[in-house]
Amino acid sequence: METSEALVRELDKLVSELDEIISATTTVAAGATVNDRLEFWNRRVVEWLRDNVSSNAVGEFLNKNLRTRTYNTEGRADVWRAYLHTVRLEIIRHPGTFVRPKAVSMQQHAAQPSNDLKWIEDLLHRFPAVAAVLRERHAGRPPLALKDEYDVQYLLNALLRIRFDDVRPEDVAPTYAGGSSRMDFILKAARIALEVKMPNPKLRDGKIGEQLLIDIARYQKHPDCRTLVCFVYDPNSLLKNPAGLVHDLGKKHGELLVSVVVAP
């Protein structure tokens, strides 16, 4: 009963977010239109339904109502409202059959490694391929060369917005051992922070490891960070033992999950 009540509350919140999106008549500060926000909401609600209700039921609904028909924004929202109302009633009436036994609430899910983390890790492993494409341009146009960490941050900031609406660069981390640092990015909704390192002749295995250990200790104190992704972009292969860096740091540090991705 407690699980079904939590799911109903989450469903009501999703519907409220949909109503807020449809009622908006201007673009949001980040530049996304109502249609952009609706598409992002659509991805979130589909993932929630698949995690907590039934992948088959969601697939049937999408194929029957949204993938084979064309709607304007309000029409699409009306279809979603009707379907979510039906889901809500089924959760209340038949919690043991309609709701997945392993369904978890948003609060529980937020404390666990999520699909967001896997998406970020996959993106970072593909980052060198993206950088290689941007180095080649035609008609004498200047390429985008990633010469230092700032260039890597610049490109990564754009790529993260493919999935995340709220990407906050340079969020100040809590003070630790008399100093302070600035996160490269914080994804507040996912409670994930990203730290970027790019080796150079003066910044190699030992120094990068030391810096990341200090960063880990700092991020453990940050209220919006439960997972830290450390991205080491090493196009010049300056690291002698990248596997050691991943093995030594890529684990749980207290309550903070740390993922280390080294990409050549």
Protein backbone atom coordinates (compact mmCIF):
# COMPACT_ATOMS: atom_id res chain seq x y z
CA MET A 1 0.00 0.00 0.00
CA GLU A 2 2.79 2.41 0.90
CA THR A 3 4.51 1.83 -2.45
CA SER A 4 1.31 2.38 -4.43
CA GLU A 5 0.59 5.60 -2.54
CA ALA A 6 4.09 6.85 -3.30
CA LEU A 7 3.64 6.03 -6.98
CA VAL A 8 0.33 7.89 -7.09
CA ARG A 9 1.99 10.96 -5.58
CA GLU A 10 4.77 10.79 -8.15
CA LEU A 11 2.25 10.40 -10.95
CA ASP A 12 0.29 13.43 -9.71
CA LYS A 13 3.52 15.43 -9.69
CA LEU A 14 4.26 14.47 -13.29
CA VAL A 15 0.77 15.55 -14.35
CA SER A 16 1.23 18.87 -12.52
CA GLU A 17 4.50 19.40 -14.38
CA LEU A 18 2.71 18.70 -17.66
CA ASP A 19 0.02 21.27 -16.82
CA GLU A 20 2.69 23.85 -16.00
CA ILE A 21 4.47 23.23 -19.33
CA ILE A 22 1.27 23.58 -21.36
CA SER A 23 0.26 26.75 -19.53
CA ALA A 24 3.56 28.43 -20.39
CA THR A 25 3.21 30.95 -23.21
CA THR A 26 6.82 32.11 -23.40
CA THR A 27 10.16 30.40 -23.67
CA VAL A 28 12.03 29.49 -20.52
CA ALA A 29 15.28 31.14 -19.51
CA ALA A 30 17.42 28.36 -20.99
CA GLY A 31 15.87 28.99 -24.39
CA ALA A 32 13.76 25.85 -24.61
CA THR A 33 10.33 26.20 -26.18
CA VAL A 34 7.15 24.64 -24.83
CA ASN A 35 7.60 21.82 -27.34
CA ASP A 36 11.18 21.25 -26.16
CA ARG A 37 10.06 21.06 -22.54
CA LEU A 38 7.20 18.75 -23.47
CA GLU A 39 9.58 16.42 -25.29
CA PHE A 40 11.88 16.30 -22.26
CA TRP A 41 8.90 15.61 -19.99
CA ASN A 42 7.78 12.90 -22.41
CA ARG A 43 11.12 11.07 -22.07
CA ARG A 44 10.99 11.32 -18.28
CA VAL A 45 7.44 10.01 -17.97
CA VAL A 46 8.10 7.10 -20.36
CA GLU A 47 11.13 6.09 -18.31
CA TRP A 48 9.13 6.38 -15.08
CA LEU A 49 6.32 4.25 -16.46
CA ARG A 50 8.69 1.58 -17.70
CA ASP A 51 10.48 1.47 -14.34
CA ASN A 52 7.36 1.42 -12.19
CA VAL A 53 4.43 0.08 -14.18
CA SER A 54 4.90 -2.12 -17.24
CA SER A 55 7.12 -1.84 -20.29
CA ASN A 56 4.61 -3.76 -22.40
CA ALA A 57 1.68 -1.55 -21.38
CA VAL A 58 3.66 1.62 -22.07
CA GLY A 59 4.82 0.31 -25.45
CA GLU A 60 1.26 -0.52 -26.48
CA PHE A 61 0.06 2.93 -25.48
CA LEU A 62 2.84 4.71 -27.40
CA ASN A 63 2.35 2.62 -30.54
CA LYS A 64 -1.42 3.07 -30.51
CA ASN A 65 -1.70 6.74 -29.56
CA LEU A 66 1.48 8.73 -30.12
CA ARG A 67 3.73 7.04 -32.67
CA THR A 68 1.11 6.60 -35.38
CA ARG A 69 -0.83 9.84 -34.95
CA THR A 70 -0.03 13.54 -35.15
CA TYR A 71 -1.20 16.02 -32.50
CA ASN A 72 -0.63 19.63 -31.69
CA THR A 73 0.89 20.42 -28.28
CA GLU A 74 -2.39 20.58 -26.37
CA GLY A 75 -3.74 17.47 -28.09
CA ARG A 76 -0.64 15.51 -27.17
CA ALA A 77 -0.97 16.67 -23.57
CA ASP A 78 -4.64 15.63 -23.47
CA VAL A 79 -3.72 12.12 -24.62
CA TRP A 80 -1.11 11.86 -21.89
CA ARG A 81 -3.49 13.15 -19.20
CA ALA A 82 -6.11 10.56 -20.13
CA TYR A 83 -3.60 7.72 -20.10
CA LEU A 84 -1.99 8.76 -16.82
CA HIS A 85 -5.43 9.04 -15.23
CA THR A 86 -6.07 5.43 -16.26
CA VAL A 87 -2.70 4.36 -14.85
CA ARG A 88 -3.47 6.14 -11.59
CA LEU A 89 -6.77 4.28 -11.20
CA GLU A 90 -5.12 0.93 -11.96
CA ILE A 91 -2.40 1.53 -9.37
CA ILE A 92 -5.05 2.26 -6.74
CA ARG A 93 -7.37 -0.61 -7.68
CA HIS A 94 -4.84 -3.35 -8.48
CA PRO A 95 -1.48 -2.49 -6.90
CA GLY A 96 -0.39 -6.11 -6.78
CA THR A 97 -0.86 -6.82 -10.47
CA PHE A 98 -0.33 -3.55 -12.32
CA VAL A 99 2.65 -2.15 -10.39
CA ARG A 100 5.98 -3.90 -10.69
CA PRO A 101 6.95 -5.61 -7.42
CA LYS A 102 10.38 -3.95 -7.47
CA ALA A 103 9.07 -0.46 -8.15
CA VAL A 104 10.84 2.25 -6.18
CA SER A 105 9.90 5.83 -5.42
CA MET A 106 11.66 8.84 -6.89
CA GLN A 107 13.27 9.46 -3.51
CA GLN A 108 14.69 5.92 -3.38
CA HIS A 109 15.74 6.08 -6.99
CA ALA A 110 17.61 9.34 -6.41
CA ALA A 111 19.87 7.61 -3.89
CA GLN A 112 20.86 4.86 -6.36
CA PRO A 113 23.00 4.86 -9.49
CA SER A 114 20.54 5.66 -12.29
CA ASN A 115 20.28 5.48 -16.03
CA ASP A 116 21.62 9.04 -16.01
CA LEU A 117 25.00 7.78 -14.81
CA LYS A 118 25.23 5.13 -17.51
CA TRP A 119 24.27 7.70 -20.15
CA ILE A 120 27.04 10.03 -18.96
CA GLU A 121 29.62 7.23 -18.90
CA ASP A 122 28.66 6.17 -22.44
CA LEU A 123 28.91 9.79 -23.60
CA LEU A 124 32.38 10.20 -22.10
CA HIS A 125 33.66 7.00 -23.69
CA ARG A 126 32.48 8.39 -27.06
CA PHE A 127 33.91 11.86 -26.38
CA PRO A 128 37.17 11.26 -28.33
CA ALA A 129 35.17 10.32 -31.43
CA VAL A 130 33.20 13.58 -31.17
CA ALA A 131 36.40 15.58 -30.70
CA ALA A 132 37.97 13.90 -33.75
CA VAL A 133 35.05 14.93 -35.98
CA LEU A 134 35.28 18.54 -34.82
CA ARG A 135 38.98 18.71 -35.73
CA GLU A 136 38.15 18.30 -39.42
CA ARG A 137 36.37 21.19 -41.17
CA HIS A 138 35.99 22.16 -44.80
CA ALA A 139 36.29 25.43 -46.72
CA GLY A 140 39.14 26.67 -44.56
CA ARG A 141 36.99 27.08 -41.48
CA PRO A 142 38.88 26.89 -38.16
CA PRO A 143 38.41 23.56 -36.34
CA LEU A 144 37.44 23.17 -32.71
CA ALA A 145 40.70 22.08 -31.12
CA LEU A 146 40.56 20.86 -27.51
CA LYS A 147 43.78 22.29 -26.15
CA ASP A 148 43.02 22.33 -22.41
CA GLU A 149 40.41 21.58 -19.75
CA TYR A 150 38.44 24.71 -20.59
CA ASP A 151 37.93 23.53 -24.15
CA VAL A 152 36.83 20.10 -22.90
CA GLN A 153 34.36 21.73 -20.51
CA TYR A 154 33.02 23.90 -23.33
CA LEU A 155 32.17 20.90 -25.52
CA LEU A 156 30.97 18.74 -22.64
CA ASN A 157 28.61 21.49 -21.47
CA ALA A 158 26.87 21.40 -24.86
CA LEU A 159 26.73 17.59 -25.01
CA LEU A 160 25.20 17.24 -21.55
CA ARG A 161 22.23 19.36 -22.65
CA ILE A 162 21.17 16.58 -25.00
CA ARG A 163 19.75 14.81 -21.92
CA PHE A 164 19.69 17.33 -19.07
CA ASP A 165 17.77 20.62 -18.90
CA ASP A 166 19.57 21.89 -15.81
CA VAL A 167 23.35 21.87 -16.30
CA ARG A 168 25.08 24.17 -13.84
CA PRO A 169 28.70 25.01 -14.63
CA GLU A 170 31.18 26.11 -11.99
CA ASP A 171 29.09 25.38 -8.91
CA VAL A 172 31.12 26.14 -5.78
CA ALA A 173 31.91 23.07 -3.68
CA PRO A 174 32.10 23.20 0.14
CA THR A 175 35.39 24.11 1.73
CA TYR A 176 37.76 21.30 2.72
CA ALA A 177 41.15 21.49 4.48
CA GLY A 178 41.32 25.26 4.30
CA GLY A 179 40.61 25.51 0.58
CA SER A 180 37.71 25.63 -1.84
CA SER A 181 37.15 24.36 -5.34
CA ARG A 182 34.66 24.81 -8.13
CA MET A 183 32.86 21.91 -9.76
CA ASP A 184 32.99 21.76 -13.51
CA PHE A 185 29.30 20.79 -13.66
CA ILE A 186 26.50 19.87 -11.29
CA LEU A 187 23.36 18.09 -12.52
CA LYS A 188 21.14 18.94 -9.59
CA ALA A 189 18.10 16.84 -10.52
CA ALA A 190 20.27 13.73 -11.00
CA ARG A 191 22.49 14.66 -8.02
CA ILE A 192 25.57 14.06 -10.17
CA ALA A 193 28.71 16.21 -10.32
CA LEU A 194 31.31 16.06 -13.08
CA GLU A 195 34.98 16.90 -12.72
CA VAL A 196 37.15 17.26 -15.84
CA LYS A 197 40.90 16.69 -15.98
CA MET A 198 43.20 16.90 -18.99
CA PRO A 199 46.76 15.67 -18.44
CA ASN A 200 49.69 17.82 -19.50
CA PRO A 201 53.45 17.51 -18.92
CA LYS A 202 53.02 18.97 -15.41
CA LEU A 203 49.80 17.11 -14.59
CA ARG A 204 50.12 13.34 -14.83
CA ASP A 205 49.07 10.21 -12.92
CA GLY A 206 50.21 11.12 -9.41
CA LYS A 207 49.12 14.74 -9.48
CA ILE A 208 45.75 13.96 -11.05
CA GLY A 209 45.14 11.23 -8.46
CA GLU A 210 45.97 13.63 -5.63
CA GLN A 211 43.65 16.31 -7.01
CA LEU A 212 40.79 13.86 -7.46
CA LEU A 213 41.16 12.56 -3.90
CA ILE A 214 40.84 16.12 -2.62
CA ASP A 215 37.84 16.67 -4.91
CA ILE A 216 36.17 13.48 -3.66
CA ALA A 217 36.50 14.61 -0.06
CA ARG A 218 35.00 17.98 -0.94
CA TYR A 219 32.10 16.59 -2.92
CA GLN A 220 31.16 14.26 -0.08
CA LYS A 221 29.99 17.39 1.74
CA HIS A 222 27.93 18.80 -1.11
CA PRO A 223 24.14 18.48 -0.53
CA ASP A 224 23.34 18.10 -4.25
CA CYS A 225 25.97 15.48 -5.04
CA ARG A 226 25.52 11.74 -4.51
CA THR A 227 27.59 10.64 -7.52
CA LEU A 228 30.83 12.13 -8.81
CA VAL A 229 31.98 11.41 -12.36
CA CYS A 230 35.66 12.10 -12.93
CA PHE A 231 36.44 12.48 -16.63
CA VAL A 232 40.10 12.36 -17.61
CA TYR A 233 40.54 13.25 -21.27
CA ASP A 234 44.02 12.12 -22.34
CA PRO A 235 44.34 12.56 -26.13
CA ASN A 236 48.15 12.63 -25.95
CA SER A 237 48.41 9.42 -23.85
CA LEU A 238 50.39 11.09 -21.07
CA LEU A 239 49.05 8.82 -18.33
CA LYS A 240 51.26 5.81 -17.62
CA ASN A 241 48.65 3.79 -15.72
CA PRO A 242 45.09 4.92 -16.50
CA ALA A 243 43.67 1.55 -15.39
CA GLY A 244 45.18 2.07 -11.96
CA LEU A 245 43.48 5.45 -11.64
CA VAL A 246 40.11 3.89 -12.52
CA HIS A 247 40.64 0.94 -10.15
CA ASP A 248 41.84 3.00 -7.17
CA LEU A 249 39.24 5.79 -7.30
CA GLY A 250 36.21 4.31 -9.09
CA LYS A 251 34.23 3.02 -6.11
CA LYS A 252 32.12 4.11 -3.15
CA HIS A 253 33.78 6.67 -0.90
CA GLY A 254 31.50 6.78 2.13
CA GLU A 255 28.08 7.74 0.73
CA LEU A 256 29.56 9.16 -2.47
CA LEU A 257 29.71 6.94 -5.56
CA VAL A 258 32.69 7.80 -7.75
CA SER A 259 32.96 6.82 -11.41
CA VAL A 260 36.23 7.40 -13.26
CA VAL A 261 36.33 7.50 -17.06
CA VAL A 262 39.67 7.84 -18.84
CA ALA A 263 39.35 8.46 -22.57
CA PRO A 264 42.33 8.72 -24.97
